[in-house]
Each structure stands twice: as C-alpha cells, then as structure tokens.
Amino acid sequence: MGEPDDGSNDGSRAVRAVRRILAELDFPVLASLGFVESDLDRLAELALADYFITMSPEPWTKAEVVAAFTSALHLEDRAT
C-alpha cells in the first residue's frame, strides 16, 4: 500500500497507508463533518439499529460501537 517496511509487523503500516489514502482523497471523517463527542451515543444507537451491523459474525455492544466512533472522531488527531 506504499508504506515502507518498518519491521513492526503489527499492522501499523496498513493503518498509516489507509490514513494517507483518506487524506489524499480528502475523504471526510467524523470531525470534518461536524460531529462531536456528544453525538456519539446517538450515532451508536443508529448504527446498532442498522441491518448490516446485525449481520456481523459477532454482535457488537453499544460500548464497542461508541469506542469505534470515538476512534473515528479522532482520526485526524492521529494522522501522522
């Protein structure tokens, strides 16, 4: 994916590559769409009501969905 081998073998190169690609595409992330921490609980409720999340091999808890949205909200903070 274009990231140089850093010997980490922990998947961090793939994460950096995806972040780079999203930035190059100017792909919107939650913060750039105006979402804030106080929106995450409602976003989690909406996600859990969506059909596609119910098809997950392992059910997601609300806490897991909120944690995923929290990470997504702070994507730009860690875009190094």
PDB file of N, CA and C in Angstrom:
ATOM      1  N   MET A   1       0.826  -1.198   0.000  1.00  0.00           N
ATOM      2  CA  MET A   1       0.000   0.000   0.000  1.00  0.00           C
ATOM      3  C   MET A   1       0.869   1.260   0.000  1.00  0.00           C
ATOM      4  N   GLY A   2       2.141   1.064  -0.268  1.00  0.00           N
ATOM      5  CA  GLY A   2       3.003   2.216  -0.424  1.00  0.00           C
ATOM      6  C   GLY A   2       3.745   2.665   0.822  1.00  0.00           C
ATOM      7  N   GLU A   3       3.520   2.003   1.942  1.00  0.00           N
ATOM      8  CA  GLU A   3       4.230   2.378   3.167  1.00  0.00           C
ATOM      9  C   GLU A   3       5.505   1.561   3.274  1.00  0.00           C
ATOM     10  N   PRO A   4       6.632   2.200   3.608  1.00  0.00           N
ATOM     11  CA  PRO A   4       7.886   1.462   3.724  1.00  0.00           C
ATOM     12  C   PRO A   4       7.852   0.491   4.900  1.00  0.00           C
ATOM     13  N   ASP A   5       8.547  -0.618   4.738  1.00  0.00           N
ATOM     14  CA  ASP A   5       8.631  -1.620   5.800  1.00  0.00           C
ATOM     15  C   ASP A   5       9.389  -1.029   6.983  1.00  0.00           C
ATOM     16  N   ASP A   6       8.749  -1.041   8.134  1.00  0.00           N
ATOM     17  CA  ASP A   6       9.401  -0.520   9.341  1.00  0.00           C
ATOM     18  C   ASP A   6       9.722  -1.633  10.330  1.00  0.00           C
ATOM     19  N   GLY A   7       9.458  -2.881   9.929  1.00  0.00           N
ATOM     20  CA  GLY A   7       9.771  -4.024  10.780  1.00  0.00           C
ATOM     21  C   GLY A   7       8.815  -4.232  11.933  1.00  0.00           C
ATOM     22  N   SER A   8       7.766  -3.452  12.025  1.00  0.00           N
ATOM     23  CA  SER A   8       6.864  -3.553  13.179  1.00  0.00           C
ATOM     24  C   SER A   8       6.017  -4.822  13.152  1.00  0.00           C
ATOM     25  N   ASN A   9       5.581  -5.237  11.962  1.00  0.00           N
ATOM     26  CA  ASN A   9       4.735  -6.432  11.817  1.00  0.00           C
ATOM     27  C   ASN A   9       3.493  -6.392  12.697  1.00  0.00           C
ATOM     28  N   ASP A  10       2.976  -5.199  12.979  1.00  0.00           N
ATOM     29  CA  ASP A  10       1.803  -5.089  13.848  1.00  0.00           C
ATOM     30  C   ASP A  10       0.589  -4.476  13.152  1.00  0.00           C
ATOM     31  N   GLY A  11       0.679  -4.281  11.853  1.00  0.00           N
ATOM     32  CA  GLY A  11      -0.437  -3.709  11.116  1.00  0.00           C
ATOM     33  C   GLY A  11      -0.421  -2.194  11.046  1.00  0.00           C
ATOM     34  N   SER A  12       0.511  -1.564  11.733  1.00  0.00           N
ATOM     35  CA  SER A  12       0.533  -0.102  11.771  1.00  0.00           C
ATOM     36  C   SER A  12       0.831   0.503  10.400  1.00  0.00           C
ATOM     37  N   ARG A  13       1.588  -0.208   9.573  1.00  0.00           N
ATOM     38  CA  ARG A  13       1.854   0.304   8.217  1.00  0.00           C
ATOM     39  C   ARG A  13       0.563   0.386   7.420  1.00  0.00           C
ATOM     40  N   ALA A  14      -0.283  -0.600   7.541  1.00  0.00           N
ATOM     41  CA  ALA A  14      -1.559  -0.588   6.823  1.00  0.00           C
ATOM     42  C   ALA A  14      -2.436   0.565   7.323  1.00  0.00           C
ATOM     43  N   VAL A  15      -2.440   0.782   8.628  1.00  0.00           N
ATOM     44  CA  VAL A  15      -3.220   1.883   9.194  1.00  0.00           C
ATOM     45  C   VAL A  15      -2.701   3.213   8.653  1.00  0.00           C
ATOM     46  N   ARG A  16      -1.384   3.391   8.644  1.00  0.00           N
ATOM     47  CA  ARG A  16      -0.815   4.627   8.101  1.00  0.00           C
ATOM     48  C   ARG A  16      -1.170   4.794   6.630  1.00  0.00           C
ATOM     49  N   ALA A  17      -1.139   3.710   5.876  1.00  0.00           N
ATOM     50  CA  ALA A  17      -1.452   3.776   4.451  1.00  0.00           C
ATOM     51  C   ALA A  17      -2.907   4.193   4.236  1.00  0.00           C
ATOM     52  N   VAL A  18      -3.805   3.618   5.000  1.00  0.00           N
ATOM     53  CA  VAL A  18      -5.225   3.970   4.857  1.00  0.00           C
ATOM     54  C   VAL A  18      -5.430   5.434   5.234  1.00  0.00           C
ATOM     55  N   ARG A  19      -4.798   5.887   6.310  1.00  0.00           N
ATOM     56  CA  ARG A  19      -4.919   7.301   6.697  1.00  0.00           C
ATOM     57  C   ARG A  19      -4.379   8.209   5.599  1.00  0.00           C
ATOM     58  N   ARG A  20      -3.253   7.835   5.006  1.00  0.00           N
ATOM     59  CA  ARG A  20      -2.661   8.626   3.938  1.00  0.00           C
ATOM     60  C   ARG A  20      -3.606   8.682   2.741  1.00  0.00           C
ATOM     61  N   ILE A  21      -4.161   7.528   2.367  1.00  0.00           N
ATOM     62  CA  ILE A  21      -5.071   7.472   1.227  1.00  0.00           C
ATOM     63  C   ILE A  21      -6.322   8.317   1.483  1.00  0.00           C
ATOM     64  N   LEU A  22      -6.879   8.212   2.679  1.00  0.00           N
ATOM     65  CA  LEU A  22      -8.061   9.021   3.005  1.00  0.00           C
ATOM     66  C   LEU A  22      -7.735  10.507   2.923  1.00  0.00           C
ATOM     67  N   ALA A  23      -6.554  10.897   3.422  1.00  0.00           N
ATOM     68  CA  ALA A  23      -6.149  12.308   3.359  1.00  0.00           C
ATOM     69  C   ALA A  23      -5.956  12.746   1.914  1.00  0.00           C
ATOM     70  N   GLU A  24      -5.311  11.900   1.102  1.00  0.00           N
ATOM     71  CA  GLU A  24      -5.091  12.242  -0.311  1.00  0.00           C
ATOM     72  C   GLU A  24      -6.406  12.421  -1.055  1.00  0.00           C
ATOM     73  N   LEU A  25      -7.398  11.625  -0.693  1.00  0.00           N
ATOM     74  CA  LEU A  25      -8.708  11.710  -1.335  1.00  0.00           C
ATOM     75  C   LEU A  25      -9.591  12.798  -0.732  1.00  0.00           C
ATOM     76  N   ASP A  26      -9.089  13.428   0.332  1.00  0.00           N
ATOM     77  CA  ASP A  26      -9.871  14.403   1.088  1.00  0.00           C
ATOM     78  C   ASP A  26     -11.196  13.789   1.520  1.00  0.00           C
ATOM     79  N   PHE A  27     -11.111  12.523   1.945  1.00  0.00           N
ATOM     80  CA  PHE A  27     -12.273  11.754   2.380  1.00  0.00           C
ATOM     81  C   PHE A  27     -12.750  12.302   3.723  1.00  0.00           C
ATOM     82  N   PRO A  28     -14.023  12.629   3.843  1.00  0.00           N
ATOM     83  CA  PRO A  28     -14.495  13.207   5.099  1.00  0.00           C
ATOM     84  C   PRO A  28     -14.454  12.204   6.250  1.00  0.00           C
ATOM     85  N   VAL A  29     -14.048  12.685   7.387  1.00  0.00           N
ATOM     86  CA  VAL A  29     -14.087  11.891   8.612  1.00  0.00           C
ATOM     87  C   VAL A  29     -15.072  12.571   9.556  1.00  0.00           C
ATOM     88  N   LEU A  30     -15.424  11.900  10.637  1.00  0.00           N
ATOM     89  CA  LEU A  30     -16.485  12.427  11.505  1.00  0.00           C
ATOM     90  C   LEU A  30     -16.264  13.874  11.923  1.00  0.00           C
ATOM     91  N   ALA A  31     -15.058  14.212  12.350  1.00  0.00           N
ATOM     92  CA  ALA A  31     -14.804  15.578  12.809  1.00  0.00           C
ATOM     93  C   ALA A  31     -15.016  16.585  11.693  1.00  0.00           C
ATOM     94  N   SER A  32     -14.594  16.247  10.484  1.00  0.00           N
ATOM     95  CA  SER A  32     -14.746  17.190   9.376  1.00  0.00           C
ATOM     96  C   SER A  32     -16.211  17.345   8.962  1.00  0.00           C
ATOM     97  N   LEU A  33     -17.051  16.422   9.389  1.00  0.00           N
ATOM     98  CA  LEU A  33     -18.484  16.512   9.106  1.00  0.00           C
ATOM     99  C   LEU A  33     -19.243  17.234  10.208  1.00  0.00           C
ATOM    100  N   GLY A  34     -18.503  17.671  11.236  1.00  0.00           N
ATOM    101  CA  GLY A  34     -19.112  18.448  12.306  1.00  0.00           C
ATOM    102  C   GLY A  34     -19.565  17.654  13.515  1.00  0.00           C
ATOM    103  N   PHE A  35     -19.272  16.359  13.557  1.00  0.00           N
ATOM    104  CA  PHE A  35     -19.659  15.560  14.716  1.00  0.00           C
ATOM    105  C   PHE A  35     -18.738  15.851  15.892  1.00  0.00           C
ATOM    106  N   VAL A  36     -19.306  15.762  17.093  1.00  0.00           N
ATOM    107  CA  VAL A  36     -18.557  15.956  18.337  1.00  0.00           C
ATOM    108  C   VAL A  36     -18.871  14.801  19.283  1.00  0.00           C
ATOM    109  N   GLU A  37     -18.120  14.730  20.372  1.00  0.00           N
ATOM    110  CA  GLU A  37     -18.270  13.630  21.343  1.00  0.00           C
ATOM    111  C   GLU A  37     -19.726  13.417  21.757  1.00  0.00           C
ATOM    112  N   SER A  38     -20.460  14.493  21.957  1.00  0.00           N
ATOM    113  CA  SER A  38     -21.844  14.354  22.433  1.00  0.00           C
ATOM    114  C   SER A  38     -22.763  13.703  21.393  1.00  0.00           C
ATOM    115  N   ASP A  39     -22.334  13.579  20.163  1.00  0.00           N
ATOM    116  CA  ASP A  39     -23.129  12.926  19.110  1.00  0.00           C
ATOM    117  C   ASP A  39     -22.938  11.411  19.082  1.00  0.00           C
ATOM    118  N   LEU A  40     -21.892  10.912  19.716  1.00  0.00           N
ATOM    119  CA  LEU A  40     -21.503   9.518  19.527  1.00  0.00           C
ATOM    120  C   LEU A  40     -22.509   8.515  20.078  1.00  0.00           C
ATOM    121  N   ASP A  41     -23.148   8.825  21.179  1.00  0.00           N
ATOM    122  CA  ASP A  41     -24.137   7.907  21.744  1.00  0.00           C
ATOM    123  C   ASP A  41     -25.284   7.702  20.760  1.00  0.00           C
ATOM    124  N   ARG A  42     -25.757   8.781  20.167  1.00  0.00           N
ATOM    125  CA  ARG A  42     -26.858   8.689  19.191  1.00  0.00           C
ATOM    126  C   ARG A  42     -26.398   7.974  17.923  1.00  0.00           C
ATOM    127  N   LEU A  43     -25.174   8.262  17.475  1.00  0.00           N
ATOM    128  CA  LEU A  43     -24.643   7.553  16.311  1.00  0.00           C
ATOM    129  C   LEU A  43     -24.576   6.053  16.572  1.00  0.00           C
ATOM    130  N   ALA A  44     -24.165   5.684  17.787  1.00  0.00           N
ATOM    131  CA  ALA A  44     -24.086   4.263  18.142  1.00  0.00           C
ATOM    132  C   ALA A  44     -25.470   3.625  18.111  1.00  0.00           C
ATOM    133  N   GLU A  45     -26.467   4.320  18.641  1.00  0.00           N
ATOM    134  CA  GLU A  45     -27.835   3.792  18.612  1.00  0.00           C
ATOM    135  C   GLU A  45     -28.297   3.573  17.180  1.00  0.00           C
ATOM    136  N   LEU A  46     -28.024   4.540  16.312  1.00  0.00           N
ATOM    137  CA  LEU A  46     -28.417   4.404  14.904  1.00  0.00           C
ATOM    138  C   LEU A  46     -27.670   3.250  14.237  1.00  0.00           C
ATOM    139  N   ALA A  47     -26.396   3.117  14.540  1.00  0.00           N
ATOM    140  CA  ALA A  47     -25.612   2.026  13.945  1.00  0.00           C
ATOM    141  C   ALA A  47     -26.139   0.669  14.399  1.00  0.00           C
ATOM    142  N   LEU A  48     -26.475   0.555  15.673  1.00  0.00           N
ATOM    143  CA  LEU A  48     -26.966  -0.714  16.194  1.00  0.00           C
ATOM    144  C   LEU A  48     -28.344  -1.070  15.647  1.00  0.00           C
ATOM    145  N   ALA A  49     -29.063  -0.087  15.168  1.00  0.00           N
ATOM    146  CA  ALA A  49     -30.377  -0.330  14.579  1.00  0.00           C
ATOM    147  C   ALA A  49     -30.275  -0.670  13.090  1.00  0.00           C
ATOM    148  N   ASP A  50     -29.070  -0.533  12.529  1.00  0.00           N
ATOM    149  CA  ASP A  50     -28.874  -0.783  11.102  1.00  0.00           C
ATOM    150  C   ASP A  50     -28.785  -2.279  10.828  1.00  0.00           C
ATOM    151  N   TYR A  51     -29.385  -2.712   9.752  1.00  0.00           N
ATOM    152  CA  TYR A  51     -29.402  -4.128   9.380  1.00  0.00           C
ATOM    153  C   TYR A  51     -27.996  -4.711   9.253  1.00  0.00           C
ATOM    154  N   PHE A  52     -27.092  -3.982   8.635  1.00  0.00           N
ATOM    155  CA  PHE A  52     -25.782  -4.544   8.327  1.00  0.00           C
ATOM    156  C   PHE A  52     -24.970  -4.887   9.568  1.00  0.00           C
ATOM    157  N   ILE A  53     -25.117  -4.128  10.637  1.00  0.00           N
ATOM    158  CA  ILE A  53     -24.367  -4.462  11.852  1.00  0.00           C
ATOM    159  C   ILE A  53     -24.921  -5.744  12.482  1.00  0.00           C
ATOM    160  N   THR A  54     -26.187  -6.029  12.227  1.00  0.00           N
ATOM    161  CA  THR A  54     -26.764  -7.259  12.777  1.00  0.00           C
ATOM    162  C   THR A  54     -26.234  -8.492  12.044  1.00  0.00           C
ATOM    163  N   MET A  55     -25.618  -8.299  10.893  1.00  0.00           N
ATOM    164  CA  MET A  55     -25.055  -9.409  10.127  1.00  0.00           C
ATOM    165  C   MET A  55     -23.608  -9.716  10.523  1.00  0.00           C
ATOM    166  N   SER A  56     -23.082  -8.974  11.463  1.00  0.00           N
ATOM    167  CA  SER A  56     -21.721  -9.207  11.938  1.00  0.00           C
ATOM    168  C   SER A  56     -21.628 -10.598  12.561  1.00  0.00           C
ATOM    169  N   PRO A  57     -20.543 -11.333  12.298  1.00  0.00           N
ATOM    170  CA  PRO A  57     -20.397 -12.666  12.885  1.00  0.00           C
ATOM    171  C   PRO A  57     -20.421 -12.644  14.412  1.00  0.00           C
ATOM    172  N   GLU A  58     -19.963 -11.559  14.990  1.00  0.00           N
ATOM    173  CA  GLU A  58     -20.007 -11.389  16.444  1.00  0.00           C
ATOM    174  C   GLU A  58     -20.794 -10.113  16.735  1.00  0.00           C
ATOM    175  N   PRO A  59     -21.813 -10.183  17.570  1.00  0.00           N
ATOM    176  CA  PRO A  59     -22.602  -8.982  17.860  1.00  0.00           C
ATOM    177  C   PRO A  59     -21.739  -7.896  18.509  1.00  0.00           C
ATOM    178  N   TRP A  60     -21.992  -6.664  18.122  1.00  0.00           N
ATOM    179  CA  TRP A  60     -21.315  -5.515  18.720  1.00  0.00           C
ATOM    180  C   TRP A  60     -22.122  -5.052  19.924  1.00  0.00           C
ATOM    181  N   THR A  61     -21.433  -4.634  20.948  1.00  0.00           N
ATOM    182  CA  THR A  61     -22.110  -3.979  22.067  1.00  0.00           C
ATOM    183  C   THR A  61     -22.150  -2.482  21.776  1.00  0.00           C
ATOM    184  N   LYS A  62     -23.014  -1.790  22.471  1.00  0.00           N
ATOM    185  CA  LYS A  62     -23.072  -0.342  22.290  1.00  0.00           C
ATOM    186  C   LYS A  62     -21.730   0.283  22.662  1.00  0.00           C
ATOM    187  N   ALA A  63     -21.103  -0.216  23.716  1.00  0.00           N
ATOM    188  CA  ALA A  63     -19.804   0.323  24.137  1.00  0.00           C
ATOM    189  C   ALA A  63     -18.757   0.157  23.033  1.00  0.00           C
ATOM    190  N   GLU A  64     -18.787  -0.973  22.329  1.00  0.00           N
ATOM    191  CA  GLU A  64     -17.836  -1.197  21.237  1.00  0.00           C
ATOM    192  C   GLU A  64     -18.086  -0.231  20.075  1.00  0.00           C
ATOM    193  N   VAL A  65     -19.352   0.010  19.785  1.00  0.00           N
ATOM    194  CA  VAL A  65     -19.692   0.931  18.694  1.00  0.00           C
ATOM    195  C   VAL A  65     -19.269   2.351  19.070  1.00  0.00           C
ATOM    196  N   VAL A  66     -19.551   2.748  20.308  1.00  0.00           N
ATOM    197  CA  VAL A  66     -19.135   4.082  20.764  1.00  0.00           C
ATOM    198  C   VAL A  66     -17.611   4.198  20.696  1.00  0.00           C
ATOM    199  N   ALA A  67     -16.889   3.153  21.103  1.00  0.00           N
ATOM    200  CA  ALA A  67     -15.423   3.180  21.044  1.00  0.00           C
ATOM    201  C   ALA A  67     -14.932   3.321  19.602  1.00  0.00           C
ATOM    202  N   ALA A  68     -15.578   2.628  18.675  1.00  0.00           N
ATOM    203  CA  ALA A  68     -15.197   2.733  17.262  1.00  0.00           C
ATOM    204  C   ALA A  68     -15.448   4.149  16.746  1.00  0.00           C
ATOM    205  N   PHE A  69     -16.603   4.717  17.093  1.00  0.00           N
ATOM    206  CA  PHE A  69     -16.892   6.085  16.668  1.00  0.00           C
ATOM    207  C   PHE A  69     -15.942   7.080  17.336  1.00  0.00           C
ATOM    208  N   THR A  70     -15.575   6.830  18.574  1.00  0.00           N
ATOM    209  CA  THR A  70     -14.629   7.713  19.258  1.00  0.00           C
ATOM    210  C   THR A  70     -13.289   7.709  18.531  1.00  0.00           C
ATOM    211  N   SER A  71     -12.818   6.519  18.161  1.00  0.00           N
ATOM    212  CA  SER A  71     -11.570   6.433  17.388  1.00  0.00           C
ATOM    213  C   SER A  71     -11.708   7.160  16.058  1.00  0.00           C
ATOM    214  N   ALA A  72     -12.845   6.975  15.394  1.00  0.00           N
ATOM    215  CA  ALA A  72     -13.066   7.624  14.106  1.00  0.00           C
ATOM    216  C   ALA A  72     -13.133   9.143  14.261  1.00  0.00           C
ATOM    217  N   LEU A  73     -13.727   9.605  15.343  1.00  0.00           N
ATOM    218  CA  LEU A  73     -13.837  11.044  15.575  1.00  0.00           C
ATOM    219  C   LEU A  73     -12.467  11.684  15.703  1.00  0.00           C
ATOM    220  N   HIS A  74     -11.524  10.940  16.255  1.00  0.00           N
ATOM    221  CA  HIS A  74     -10.191  11.485  16.497  1.00  0.00           C
ATOM    222  C   HIS A  74      -9.174  11.045  15.452  1.00  0.00           C
ATOM    223  N   LEU A  75      -9.630  10.565  14.307  1.00  0.00           N
ATOM    224  CA  LEU A  75      -8.730  10.130  13.245  1.00  0.00           C
ATOM    225  C   LEU A  75      -7.749  11.217  12.843  1.00  0.00           C
ATOM    226  N   GLU A  76      -8.233  12.423  12.659  1.00  0.00           N
ATOM    227  CA  GLU A  76      -7.350  13.499  12.220  1.00  0.00           C
ATOM    228  C   GLU A  76      -6.297  13.824  13.276  1.00  0.00           C
ATOM    229  N   ASP A  77      -6.616  13.573  14.555  1.00  0.00           N
ATOM    230  CA  ASP A  77      -5.646  13.820  15.627  1.00  0.00           C
ATOM    231  C   ASP A  77      -4.430  12.932  15.502  1.00  0.00           C
ATOM    232  N   ARG A  78      -4.617  11.742  14.919  1.00  0.00           N
ATOM    233  CA  ARG A  78      -3.537  10.746  14.857  1.00  0.00           C
ATOM    234  C   ARG A  78      -3.049  10.526  13.432  1.00  0.00           C
ATOM    235  N   ALA A  79      -3.276  11.460  12.559  1.00  0.00           N
ATOM    236  CA  ALA A  79      -2.945  11.284  11.143  1.00  0.00           C
ATOM    237  C   ALA A  79      -1.462  11.502  10.849  1.00  0.00           C
ATOM    238  N   THR A  80      -0.603  10.973  11.679  1.00  0.00           N
ATOM    239  CA  THR A  80       0.838  11.120  11.455  1.00  0.00           C
ATOM    240  C   THR A  80       1.360   9.972  10.665  1.00  0.00           C
TER     241      THR A  80
END
